[in-house]
Structure formats: C-alpha cells, structure tokens
Full PDB file with SEQRES, HELIX, SHEET, SSBOND, CRYST1, ORIGX, SCALE, CONECT and MASTER records, all heavy atoms in Angstrom:
SEQRES   1 A   37  PRO GLY LEU VAL LYS PRO SER GLN THR LEU SER LEU THR          
SEQRES   2 A   37  CYS THR VAL SER ARG GLY SER ILE THR THR ASN TYR TYR          
SEQRES   3 A   37  TYR TRP SER TRP ILE ARG GLN PRO PRO GLY LYS                  
CRYST1    1.000    1.000    1.000  90.00  90.00  90.00 P 1           1          
ORIGX1      1.000000  0.000000  0.000000        0.00000                         
ORIGX2      0.000000  1.000000  0.000000        0.00000                         
ORIGX3      0.000000  0.000000  1.000000        0.00000                         
SCALE1      1.000000  0.000000  0.000000        0.00000                         
SCALE2      0.000000  1.000000  0.000000        0.00000                         
SCALE3      0.000000  0.000000  1.000000        0.00000                         
ATOM      1  N   PRO A   1       3.851   5.181   8.310  1.00  0.00           N  
ATOM      2  CA  PRO A   1       2.718   6.209   8.420  1.00  0.00           C  
ATOM      3  C   PRO A   1       2.747   6.943   7.182  1.00  0.00           C  
ATOM      4  O   PRO A   1       3.687   7.541   6.725  1.00  0.00           O  
ATOM      5  CB  PRO A   1       3.001   6.960   9.641  1.00  0.00           C  
ATOM      6  CG  PRO A   1       3.900   6.120  10.566  1.00  0.00           C  
ATOM      7  CD  PRO A   1       4.732   5.362   9.544  1.00  0.00           C  
ATOM      8  N   GLY A   2       1.453   7.323   6.792  1.00  0.00           N  
ATOM      9  CA  GLY A   2       1.343   8.157   5.624  1.00  0.00           C  
ATOM     10  C   GLY A   2       1.166   9.641   5.946  1.00  0.00           C  
ATOM     11  O   GLY A   2       1.066  10.442   5.086  1.00  0.00           O  
ATOM     12  N   LEU A   3       1.024   9.878   7.278  1.00  0.00           N  
ATOM     13  CA  LEU A   3       0.881  11.258   7.699  1.00  0.00           C  
ATOM     14  C   LEU A   3       1.677  11.558   8.952  1.00  0.00           C  
ATOM     15  O   LEU A   3       1.755  10.873   9.844  1.00  0.00           O  
ATOM     16  CB  LEU A   3      -0.579  11.517   8.003  1.00  0.00           C  
ATOM     17  CG  LEU A   3      -0.991  12.844   8.581  1.00  0.00           C  
ATOM     18  CD1 LEU A   3      -0.859  13.907   7.475  1.00  0.00           C  
ATOM     19  CD2 LEU A   3      -2.449  12.987   9.082  1.00  0.00           C  
ATOM     20  N   VAL A   4       2.453  12.681   8.811  1.00  0.00           N  
ATOM     21  CA  VAL A   4       3.492  13.037   9.874  1.00  0.00           C  
ATOM     22  C   VAL A   4       3.220  14.469  10.158  1.00  0.00           C  
ATOM     23  O   VAL A   4       3.045  15.283   9.200  1.00  0.00           O  
ATOM     24  CB  VAL A   4       4.896  12.763   9.492  1.00  0.00           C  
ATOM     25  CG1 VAL A   4       5.729  13.035  10.654  1.00  0.00           C  
ATOM     26  CG2 VAL A   4       5.114  11.315   9.100  1.00  0.00           C  
ATOM     27  N   LYS A   5       3.190  14.821  11.441  1.00  0.00           N  
ATOM     28  CA  LYS A   5       3.050  16.200  11.797  1.00  0.00           C  
ATOM     29  C   LYS A   5       4.451  17.000  11.699  1.00  0.00           C  
ATOM     30  O   LYS A   5       5.376  16.419  11.874  1.00  0.00           O  
ATOM     31  CB  LYS A   5       2.482  16.289  13.251  1.00  0.00           C  
ATOM     32  CG  LYS A   5       1.200  15.771  13.381  1.00  0.00           C  
ATOM     33  CD  LYS A   5       0.692  15.989  14.839  1.00  0.00           C  
ATOM     34  CE  LYS A   5      -0.658  15.274  15.092  1.00  0.00           C  
ATOM     35  NZ  LYS A   5      -1.757  15.877  14.228  1.00  0.00           N  
ATOM     36  N   PRO A   6       4.257  18.333  11.305  1.00  0.00           N  
ATOM     37  CA  PRO A   6       5.502  19.098  11.278  1.00  0.00           C  
ATOM     38  C   PRO A   6       6.249  19.082  12.549  1.00  0.00           C  
ATOM     39  O   PRO A   6       5.750  19.023  13.680  1.00  0.00           O  
ATOM     40  CB  PRO A   6       4.923  20.430  11.025  1.00  0.00           C  
ATOM     41  CG  PRO A   6       3.653  20.356  10.301  1.00  0.00           C  
ATOM     42  CD  PRO A   6       3.158  19.030  11.038  1.00  0.00           C  
ATOM     43  N   SER A   7       7.595  19.137  12.450  1.00  0.00           N  
ATOM     44  CA  SER A   7       8.512  19.062  13.547  1.00  0.00           C  
ATOM     45  C   SER A   7       8.817  17.593  13.971  1.00  0.00           C  
ATOM     46  O   SER A   7       9.822  17.396  14.748  1.00  0.00           O  
ATOM     47  CB  SER A   7       8.181  19.935  14.853  1.00  0.00           C  
ATOM     48  OG  SER A   7       7.280  19.306  15.574  1.00  0.00           O  
ATOM     49  N   GLN A   8       7.988  16.675  13.649  1.00  0.00           N  
ATOM     50  CA  GLN A   8       8.240  15.264  14.128  1.00  0.00           C  
ATOM     51  C   GLN A   8       9.155  14.558  13.103  1.00  0.00           C  
ATOM     52  O   GLN A   8       9.717  15.118  12.208  1.00  0.00           O  
ATOM     53  CB  GLN A   8       6.827  14.521  14.226  1.00  0.00           C  
ATOM     54  CG  GLN A   8       5.977  15.193  15.294  1.00  0.00           C  
ATOM     55  CD  GLN A   8       4.659  14.355  15.439  1.00  0.00           C  
ATOM     56  OE1 GLN A   8       4.254  13.631  14.658  1.00  0.00           O  
ATOM     57  NE2 GLN A   8       4.124  14.543  16.622  1.00  0.00           N  
ATOM     58  N   THR A   9       9.421  13.299  13.459  1.00  0.00           N  
ATOM     59  CA  THR A   9      10.320  12.433  12.625  1.00  0.00           C  
ATOM     60  C   THR A   9       9.453  11.526  11.761  1.00  0.00           C  
ATOM     61  O   THR A   9       8.598  10.861  12.181  1.00  0.00           O  
ATOM     62  CB  THR A   9      11.199  11.585  13.548  1.00  0.00           C  
ATOM     63  OG1 THR A   9      12.057  12.540  14.350  1.00  0.00           O  
ATOM     64  CG2 THR A   9      12.106  10.745  12.753  1.00  0.00           C  
ATOM     65  N   LEU A  10       9.914  11.506  10.440  1.00  0.00           N  
ATOM     66  CA  LEU A  10       9.296  10.600   9.396  1.00  0.00           C  
ATOM     67  C   LEU A  10      10.069   9.300   9.544  1.00  0.00           C  
ATOM     68  O   LEU A  10      11.336   9.427   9.412  1.00  0.00           O  
ATOM     69  CB  LEU A  10       9.367  11.301   8.113  1.00  0.00           C  
ATOM     70  CG  LEU A  10       8.989  10.523   6.813  1.00  0.00           C  
ATOM     71  CD1 LEU A  10       8.657  11.545   5.740  1.00  0.00           C  
ATOM     72  CD2 LEU A  10       9.912   9.555   6.401  1.00  0.00           C  
ATOM     73  N   SER A  11       9.438   8.164   9.644  1.00  0.00           N  
ATOM     74  CA  SER A  11      10.064   6.873   9.686  1.00  0.00           C  
ATOM     75  C   SER A  11       9.394   5.900   8.750  1.00  0.00           C  
ATOM     76  O   SER A  11       8.251   5.796   8.804  1.00  0.00           O  
ATOM     77  CB  SER A  11       9.910   6.317  11.179  1.00  0.00           C  
ATOM     78  OG  SER A  11      10.661   7.178  12.213  1.00  0.00           O  
ATOM     79  N   LEU A  12      10.286   5.366   7.931  1.00  0.00           N  
ATOM     80  CA  LEU A  12       9.721   4.283   6.984  1.00  0.00           C  
ATOM     81  C   LEU A  12      10.725   3.200   6.979  1.00  0.00           C  
ATOM     82  O   LEU A  12      11.824   3.247   7.118  1.00  0.00           O  
ATOM     83  CB  LEU A  12       9.745   5.045   5.509  1.00  0.00           C  
ATOM     84  CG  LEU A  12       8.776   6.132   5.276  1.00  0.00           C  
ATOM     85  CD1 LEU A  12       9.088   6.725   3.901  1.00  0.00           C  
ATOM     86  CD2 LEU A  12       7.352   5.625   5.372  1.00  0.00           C  
ATOM     87  N   THR A  13      10.100   2.020   6.591  1.00  0.00           N  
ATOM     88  CA  THR A  13      10.891   0.815   6.587  1.00  0.00           C  
ATOM     89  C   THR A  13      10.741   0.286   5.198  1.00  0.00           C  
ATOM     90  O   THR A  13       9.644   0.227   4.536  1.00  0.00           O  
ATOM     91  CB  THR A  13      10.277  -0.189   7.566  1.00  0.00           C  
ATOM     92  OG1 THR A  13      10.580   0.287   8.938  1.00  0.00           O  
ATOM     93  CG2 THR A  13      10.938  -1.575   7.536  1.00  0.00           C  
ATOM     94  N   CYS A  14      11.767  -0.263   4.703  1.00  0.00           N  
ATOM     95  CA  CYS A  14      11.864  -1.019   3.354  1.00  0.00           C  
ATOM     96  C   CYS A  14      12.160  -2.539   3.618  1.00  0.00           C  
ATOM     97  O   CYS A  14      13.180  -2.813   4.252  1.00  0.00           O  
ATOM     98  CB  CYS A  14      12.916  -0.425   2.452  1.00  0.00           C  
ATOM     99  SG  CYS A  14      12.885  -1.195   0.877  1.00  0.00           S  
ATOM    100  N   THR A  15      11.258  -3.431   3.277  1.00  0.00           N  
ATOM    101  CA  THR A  15      11.350  -4.810   3.444  1.00  0.00           C  
ATOM    102  C   THR A  15      11.843  -5.320   2.145  1.00  0.00           C  
ATOM    103  O   THR A  15      11.196  -5.088   1.125  1.00  0.00           O  
ATOM    104  CB  THR A  15      10.074  -5.383   3.939  1.00  0.00           C  
ATOM    105  OG1 THR A  15       9.781  -4.931   5.106  1.00  0.00           O  
ATOM    106  CG2 THR A  15      10.314  -6.898   4.075  1.00  0.00           C  
ATOM    107  N   VAL A  16      12.883  -6.145   2.214  1.00  0.00           N  
ATOM    108  CA  VAL A  16      13.532  -6.657   0.924  1.00  0.00           C  
ATOM    109  C   VAL A  16      13.244  -8.151   0.859  1.00  0.00           C  
ATOM    110  O   VAL A  16      13.519  -8.871   1.881  1.00  0.00           O  
ATOM    111  CB  VAL A  16      14.990  -6.348   0.881  1.00  0.00           C  
ATOM    112  CG1 VAL A  16      15.669  -6.947  -0.362  1.00  0.00           C  
ATOM    113  CG2 VAL A  16      15.342  -4.864   0.831  1.00  0.00           C  
ATOM    114  N   SER A  17      12.774  -8.639  -0.255  1.00  0.00           N  
ATOM    115  CA  SER A  17      12.491  -9.903  -0.436  1.00  0.00           C  
ATOM    116  C   SER A  17      13.249 -10.584  -1.701  1.00  0.00           C  
ATOM    117  O   SER A  17      13.469  -9.793  -2.563  1.00  0.00           O  
ATOM    118  CB  SER A  17      10.997 -10.247  -0.604  1.00  0.00           C  
ATOM    119  OG  SER A  17      10.144  -9.792   0.416  1.00  0.00           O  
ATOM    120  N   ARG A  18      13.728 -11.758  -1.629  1.00  0.00           N  
ATOM    121  CA  ARG A  18      14.325 -12.501  -2.702  1.00  0.00           C  
ATOM    122  C   ARG A  18      15.665 -11.767  -2.943  1.00  0.00           C  
ATOM    123  O   ARG A  18      16.024 -11.663  -4.142  1.00  0.00           O  
ATOM    124  CB  ARG A  18      13.445 -12.444  -3.921  1.00  0.00           C  
ATOM    125  CG  ARG A  18      12.077 -13.337  -3.619  1.00  0.00           C  
ATOM    126  CD  ARG A  18      11.249 -13.265  -4.857  1.00  0.00           C  
ATOM    127  NE  ARG A  18       9.942 -13.788  -4.530  1.00  0.00           N  
ATOM    128  CZ  ARG A  18       8.830 -13.864  -5.351  1.00  0.00           C  
ATOM    129  NH1 ARG A  18       9.023 -13.481  -6.589  1.00  0.00           N  
ATOM    130  NH2 ARG A  18       7.645 -14.397  -4.910  1.00  0.00           N  
ATOM    131  N   GLY A  19      16.337 -11.264  -2.037  1.00  0.00           N  
ATOM    132  CA  GLY A  19      17.598 -10.655  -2.110  1.00  0.00           C  
ATOM    133  C   GLY A  19      18.076 -10.112  -0.813  1.00  0.00           C  
ATOM    134  O   GLY A  19      17.187  -9.777  -0.036  1.00  0.00           O  
ATOM    135  N   SER A  20      19.349 -10.260  -0.498  1.00  0.00           N  
ATOM    136  CA  SER A  20      19.812  -9.888   0.811  1.00  0.00           C  
ATOM    137  C   SER A  20      20.410  -8.562   0.951  1.00  0.00           C  
ATOM    138  O   SER A  20      21.201  -8.209  -0.036  1.00  0.00           O  
ATOM    139  CB  SER A  20      20.776 -11.015   1.290  1.00  0.00           C  
ATOM    140  OG  SER A  20      21.476 -10.548   2.608  1.00  0.00           O  
ATOM    141  N   ILE A  21      20.162  -7.742   1.943  1.00  0.00           N  
ATOM    142  CA  ILE A  21      20.766  -6.455   2.060  1.00  0.00           C  
ATOM    143  C   ILE A  21      22.290  -6.454   2.416  1.00  0.00           C  
ATOM    144  O   ILE A  21      22.886  -5.535   2.398  1.00  0.00           O  
ATOM    145  CB  ILE A  21      20.024  -5.588   3.022  1.00  0.00           C  
ATOM    146  CG1 ILE A  21      20.053  -6.233   4.398  1.00  0.00           C  
ATOM    147  CG2 ILE A  21      18.554  -5.368   2.627  1.00  0.00           C  
ATOM    148  CD1 ILE A  21      19.328  -5.217   5.523  1.00  0.00           C  
ATOM    149  N   THR A  22      22.753  -7.692   2.627  1.00  0.00           N  
ATOM    150  CA  THR A  22      24.121  -7.887   2.990  1.00  0.00           C  
ATOM    151  C   THR A  22      24.881  -8.446   1.857  1.00  0.00           C  
ATOM    152  O   THR A  22      26.162  -8.693   1.949  1.00  0.00           O  
ATOM    153  CB  THR A  22      24.274  -8.634   4.183  1.00  0.00           C  
ATOM    154  OG1 THR A  22      23.788 -10.062   3.958  1.00  0.00           O  
ATOM    155  CG2 THR A  22      23.638  -8.247   5.514  1.00  0.00           C  
ATOM    156  N   THR A  23      24.298  -8.630   0.735  1.00  0.00           N  
ATOM    157  CA  THR A  23      24.992  -9.142  -0.428  1.00  0.00           C  
ATOM    158  C   THR A  23      26.095  -8.111  -0.873  1.00  0.00           C  
ATOM    159  O   THR A  23      25.803  -6.935  -1.042  1.00  0.00           O  
ATOM    160  CB  THR A  23      24.067  -9.503  -1.583  1.00  0.00           C  
ATOM    161  OG1 THR A  23      23.210 -10.560  -1.156  1.00  0.00           O  
ATOM    162  CG2 THR A  23      24.791  -9.857  -2.747  1.00  0.00           C  
ATOM    163  N   ASN A  24      27.298  -8.608  -1.135  1.00  0.00           N  
ATOM    164  CA  ASN A  24      28.320  -7.776  -1.441  1.00  0.00           C  
ATOM    165  C   ASN A  24      28.031  -6.829  -2.623  1.00  0.00           C  
ATOM    166  O   ASN A  24      27.526  -7.210  -3.661  1.00  0.00           O  
ATOM    167  CB  ASN A  24      29.620  -8.572  -1.880  1.00  0.00           C  
ATOM    168  CG  ASN A  24      30.308  -9.189  -0.661  1.00  0.00           C  
ATOM    169  OD1 ASN A  24      29.961  -8.918   0.461  1.00  0.00           O  
ATOM    170  ND2 ASN A  24      31.220 -10.025  -0.924  1.00  0.00           N  
ATOM    171  N   TYR A  25      28.466  -5.609  -2.514  1.00  0.00           N  
ATOM    172  CA  TYR A  25      28.472  -4.630  -3.568  1.00  0.00           C  
ATOM    173  C   TYR A  25      27.091  -4.018  -3.901  1.00  0.00           C  
ATOM    174  O   TYR A  25      26.920  -3.364  -5.091  1.00  0.00           O  
ATOM    175  CB  TYR A  25      29.345  -5.038  -4.807  1.00  0.00           C  
ATOM    176  CG  TYR A  25      30.684  -5.571  -4.357  1.00  0.00           C  
ATOM    177  CD1 TYR A  25      30.980  -6.929  -4.723  1.00  0.00           C  
ATOM    178  CD2 TYR A  25      31.500  -4.830  -3.454  1.00  0.00           C  
ATOM    179  CE1 TYR A  25      32.280  -7.381  -4.319  1.00  0.00           C  
ATOM    180  CE2 TYR A  25      32.684  -5.483  -3.143  1.00  0.00           C  
ATOM    181  CZ  TYR A  25      32.930  -6.597  -3.493  1.00  0.00           C  
ATOM    182  OH  TYR A  25      34.354  -7.156  -3.047  1.00  0.00           O  
ATOM    183  N   TYR A  26      26.042  -4.236  -3.129  1.00  0.00           N  
ATOM    184  CA  TYR A  26      24.843  -3.520  -3.303  1.00  0.00           C  
ATOM    185  C   TYR A  26      24.601  -2.531  -2.165  1.00  0.00           C  
ATOM    186  O   TYR A  26      25.006  -2.655  -1.050  1.00  0.00           O  
ATOM    187  CB  TYR A  26      23.664  -4.597  -3.327  1.00  0.00           C  
ATOM    188  CG  TYR A  26      23.680  -5.348  -4.587  1.00  0.00           C  
ATOM    189  CD1 TYR A  26      24.035  -6.717  -4.706  1.00  0.00           C  
ATOM    190  CD2 TYR A  26      23.208  -4.676  -5.857  1.00  0.00           C  
ATOM    191  CE1 TYR A  26      24.139  -7.385  -5.831  1.00  0.00           C  
ATOM    192  CE2 TYR A  26      23.261  -5.447  -7.032  1.00  0.00           C  
ATOM    193  CZ  TYR A  26      23.694  -6.812  -6.971  1.00  0.00           C  
ATOM    194  OH  TYR A  26      23.723  -7.592  -8.222  1.00  0.00           O  
ATOM    195  N   TYR A  27      23.953  -1.425  -2.739  1.00  0.00           N  
ATOM    196  CA  TYR A  27      23.691  -0.307  -1.866  1.00  0.00           C  
ATOM    197  C   TYR A  27      22.169  -0.004  -1.919  1.00  0.00           C  
ATOM    198  O   TYR A  27      21.498  -0.106  -2.920  1.00  0.00           O  
ATOM    199  CB  TYR A  27      24.398   0.859  -2.463  1.00  0.00           C  
ATOM    200  CG  TYR A  27      25.895   0.740  -2.405  1.00  0.00           C  
ATOM    201  CD1 TYR A  27      26.561  -0.056  -3.395  1.00  0.00           C  
ATOM    202  CD2 TYR A  27      26.682   1.406  -1.374  1.00  0.00           C  
ATOM    203  CE1 TYR A  27      27.913  -0.274  -3.222  1.00  0.00           C  
ATOM    204  CE2 TYR A  27      28.070   1.081  -1.400  1.00  0.00           C  
ATOM    205  CZ  TYR A  27      28.630   0.285  -2.312  1.00  0.00           C  
ATOM    206  OH  TYR A  27      30.015   0.088  -2.304  1.00  0.00           O  
ATOM    207  N   TRP A  28      21.669   0.246  -0.667  1.00  0.00           N  
ATOM    208  CA  TRP A  28      20.172   0.212  -0.517  1.00  0.00           C  
ATOM    209  C   TRP A  28      19.848   1.727  -0.240  1.00  0.00           C  
ATOM    210  O   TRP A  28      20.179   2.253   0.748  1.00  0.00           O  
ATOM    211  CB  TRP A  28      19.776  -0.633   0.557  1.00  0.00           C  
ATOM    212  CG  TRP A  28      20.210  -2.053   0.145  1.00  0.00           C  
ATOM    213  CD1 TRP A  28      21.403  -2.633   0.512  1.00  0.00           C  
ATOM    214  CD2 TRP A  28      19.577  -3.086  -0.537  1.00  0.00           C  
ATOM    215  NE1 TRP A  28      21.550  -3.884  -0.061  1.00  0.00           N  
ATOM    216  CE2 TRP A  28      20.437  -4.174  -0.654  1.00  0.00           C  
ATOM    217  CE3 TRP A  28      18.295  -3.103  -1.199  1.00  0.00           C  
ATOM    218  CZ2 TRP A  28      20.063  -5.395  -1.376  1.00  0.00           C  
ATOM    219  CZ3 TRP A  28      17.901  -4.331  -1.832  1.00  0.00           C  
ATOM    220  CH2 TRP A  28      18.784  -5.368  -2.004  1.00  0.00           C  
ATOM    221  N   SER A  29      19.033   2.374  -1.072  1.00  0.00           N  
ATOM    222  CA  SER A  29      18.845   3.722  -1.109  1.00  0.00           C  
ATOM    223  C   SER A  29      17.435   4.123  -0.805  1.00  0.00           C  
ATOM    224  O   SER A  29      16.423   3.330  -1.029  1.00  0.00           O  
ATOM    225  CB  SER A  29      19.193   4.406  -2.479  1.00  0.00           C  
ATOM    226  OG  SER A  29      20.548   4.439  -2.673  1.00  0.00           O  
ATOM    227  N   TRP A  30      17.291   5.285  -0.258  1.00  0.00           N  
ATOM    228  CA  TRP A  30      15.926   6.066  -0.173  1.00  0.00           C  
ATOM    229  C   TRP A  30      15.955   7.171  -1.151  1.00  0.00           C  
ATOM    230  O   TRP A  30      16.944   7.957  -1.191  1.00  0.00           O  
ATOM    231  CB  TRP A  30      15.691   6.557   1.215  1.00  0.00           C  
ATOM    232  CG  TRP A  30      15.318   5.463   2.103  1.00  0.00           C  
ATOM    233  CD1 TRP A  30      16.133   4.773   3.062  1.00  0.00           C  
ATOM    234  CD2 TRP A  30      14.068   4.738   2.355  1.00  0.00           C  
ATOM    235  NE1 TRP A  30      15.520   3.908   3.797  1.00  0.00           N  
ATOM    236  CE2 TRP A  30      14.185   3.773   3.355  1.00  0.00           C  
ATOM    237  CE3 TRP A  30      12.855   4.930   1.699  1.00  0.00           C  
ATOM    238  CZ2 TRP A  30      13.227   2.949   3.821  1.00  0.00           C  
ATOM    239  CZ3 TRP A  30      11.825   4.016   2.191  1.00  0.00           C  
ATOM    240  CH2 TRP A  30      11.993   3.153   3.266  1.00  0.00           C  
ATOM    241  N   ILE A  31      14.887   7.366  -1.845  1.00  0.00           N  
ATOM    242  CA  ILE A  31      14.669   8.380  -2.817  1.00  0.00           C  
ATOM    243  C   ILE A  31      13.313   8.984  -2.659  1.00  0.00           C  
ATOM    244  O   ILE A  31      12.413   8.135  -2.286  1.00  0.00           O  
ATOM    245  CB  ILE A  31      14.779   7.888  -4.346  1.00  0.00           C  
ATOM    246  CG1 ILE A  31      16.133   7.062  -4.482  1.00  0.00           C  
ATOM    247  CG2 ILE A  31      14.630   9.034  -5.326  1.00  0.00           C  
ATOM    248  CD1 ILE A  31      16.029   5.630  -4.438  1.00  0.00           C  
ATOM    249  N   ARG A  32      12.985  10.226  -2.860  1.00  0.00           N  
ATOM    250  CA  ARG A  32      11.734  10.730  -2.798  1.00  0.00           C  
ATOM    251  C   ARG A  32      11.388  11.654  -4.039  1.00  0.00           C  
ATOM    252  O   ARG A  32      12.291  12.165  -4.631  1.00  0.00           O  
ATOM    253  CB  ARG A  32      11.563  11.637  -1.455  1.00  0.00           C  
ATOM    254  CG  ARG A  32      12.437  12.861  -1.414  1.00  0.00           C  
ATOM    255  CD  ARG A  32      12.239  13.520  -0.088  1.00  0.00           C  
ATOM    256  NE  ARG A  32      12.846  14.874  -0.007  1.00  0.00           N  
ATOM    257  CZ  ARG A  32      13.007  15.658   1.018  1.00  0.00           C  
ATOM    258  NH1 ARG A  32      12.303  15.317   2.109  1.00  0.00           N  
ATOM    259  NH2 ARG A  32      13.559  16.865   0.948  1.00  0.00           N  
ATOM    260  N   GLN A  33      10.103  11.855  -4.145  1.00  0.00           N  
ATOM    261  CA  GLN A  33       9.567  12.705  -5.190  1.00  0.00           C  
ATOM    262  C   GLN A  33       8.461  13.590  -4.768  1.00  0.00           C  
ATOM    263  O   GLN A  33       7.351  13.087  -4.591  1.00  0.00           O  
ATOM    264  CB  GLN A  33       9.039  11.877  -6.546  1.00  0.00           C  
ATOM    265  CG  GLN A  33       8.690  12.722  -7.619  1.00  0.00           C  
ATOM    266  CD  GLN A  33       8.585  11.923  -8.845  1.00  0.00           C  
ATOM    267  OE1 GLN A  33       8.063  10.631  -8.789  1.00  0.00           O  
ATOM    268  NE2 GLN A  33       8.925  12.299  -9.897  1.00  0.00           N  
ATOM    269  N   PRO A  34       8.753  14.789  -4.502  1.00  0.00           N  
ATOM    270  CA  PRO A  34       7.576  15.730  -3.987  1.00  0.00           C  
ATOM    271  C   PRO A  34       6.581  15.849  -5.196  1.00  0.00           C  
ATOM    272  O   PRO A  34       6.862  15.730  -6.391  1.00  0.00           O  
ATOM    273  CB  PRO A  34       8.323  17.062  -3.751  1.00  0.00           C  
ATOM    274  CG  PRO A  34       9.749  16.655  -3.637  1.00  0.00           C  
ATOM    275  CD  PRO A  34       9.916  15.609  -4.413  1.00  0.00           C  
ATOM    276  N   PRO A  35       5.336  16.209  -4.840  1.00  0.00           N  
ATOM    277  CA  PRO A  35       4.429  16.490  -5.947  1.00  0.00           C  
ATOM    278  C   PRO A  35       4.830  17.440  -7.027  1.00  0.00           C  
ATOM    279  O   PRO A  35       5.269  18.496  -6.668  1.00  0.00           O  
ATOM    280  CB  PRO A  35       3.138  16.882  -5.259  1.00  0.00           C  
ATOM    281  CG  PRO A  35       3.389  16.404  -3.756  1.00  0.00           C  
ATOM    282  CD  PRO A  35       4.733  16.436  -3.552  1.00  0.00           C  
ATOM    283  N   GLY A  36       4.767  16.976  -8.322  1.00  0.00           N  
ATOM    284  CA  GLY A  36       5.068  17.858  -9.320  1.00  0.00           C  
ATOM    285  C   GLY A  36       6.532  18.111  -9.572  1.00  0.00           C  
ATOM    286  O   GLY A  36       6.964  18.942 -10.273  1.00  0.00           O  
ATOM    287  N   LYS A  37       7.413  17.414  -8.752  1.00  0.00           N  
ATOM    288  CA  LYS A  37       8.958  17.695  -8.815  1.00  0.00           C  
ATOM    289  C   LYS A  37       9.608  16.428  -9.257  1.00  0.00           C  
ATOM    290  O   LYS A  37       9.041  15.292  -9.394  1.00  0.00           O  
ATOM    291  CB  LYS A  37       9.445  18.313  -7.520  1.00  0.00           C  
ATOM    292  CG  LYS A  37       8.778  19.532  -7.154  1.00  0.00           C  
ATOM    293  CD  LYS A  37       9.375  20.091  -5.869  1.00  0.00           C  
ATOM    294  CE  LYS A  37       8.942  21.500  -5.522  1.00  0.00           C  
ATOM    295  NZ  LYS A  37       9.421  22.073  -4.303  1.00  0.00           N  
TER     296      LYS A  37                                                      
MASTER        0    0    0    0    0    0    0    6  295    1    0    3          
END                                                                             
C-alpha cells in the first residue's frame, strides 16, 4: 500500500527474481529515503 494511517503497521513485500534469497552470503535489506533527506 502507498498510504498508511498513523499508528498502523506499514507492510511491504520485496519480490526477488533471477536470484535466490537463500543463496549463501547475501543479505536482503530494506532502506528508506524521506522526502528531501
């Protein structure tokens, strides 16, 4: 969802293609960038 109400839970999914999330020695991160920051 692109819109979440205050106090609720933000939920996002990352779908990976052409690579496995279980491949040894890789780490799968979430990063964010607030507007202007």
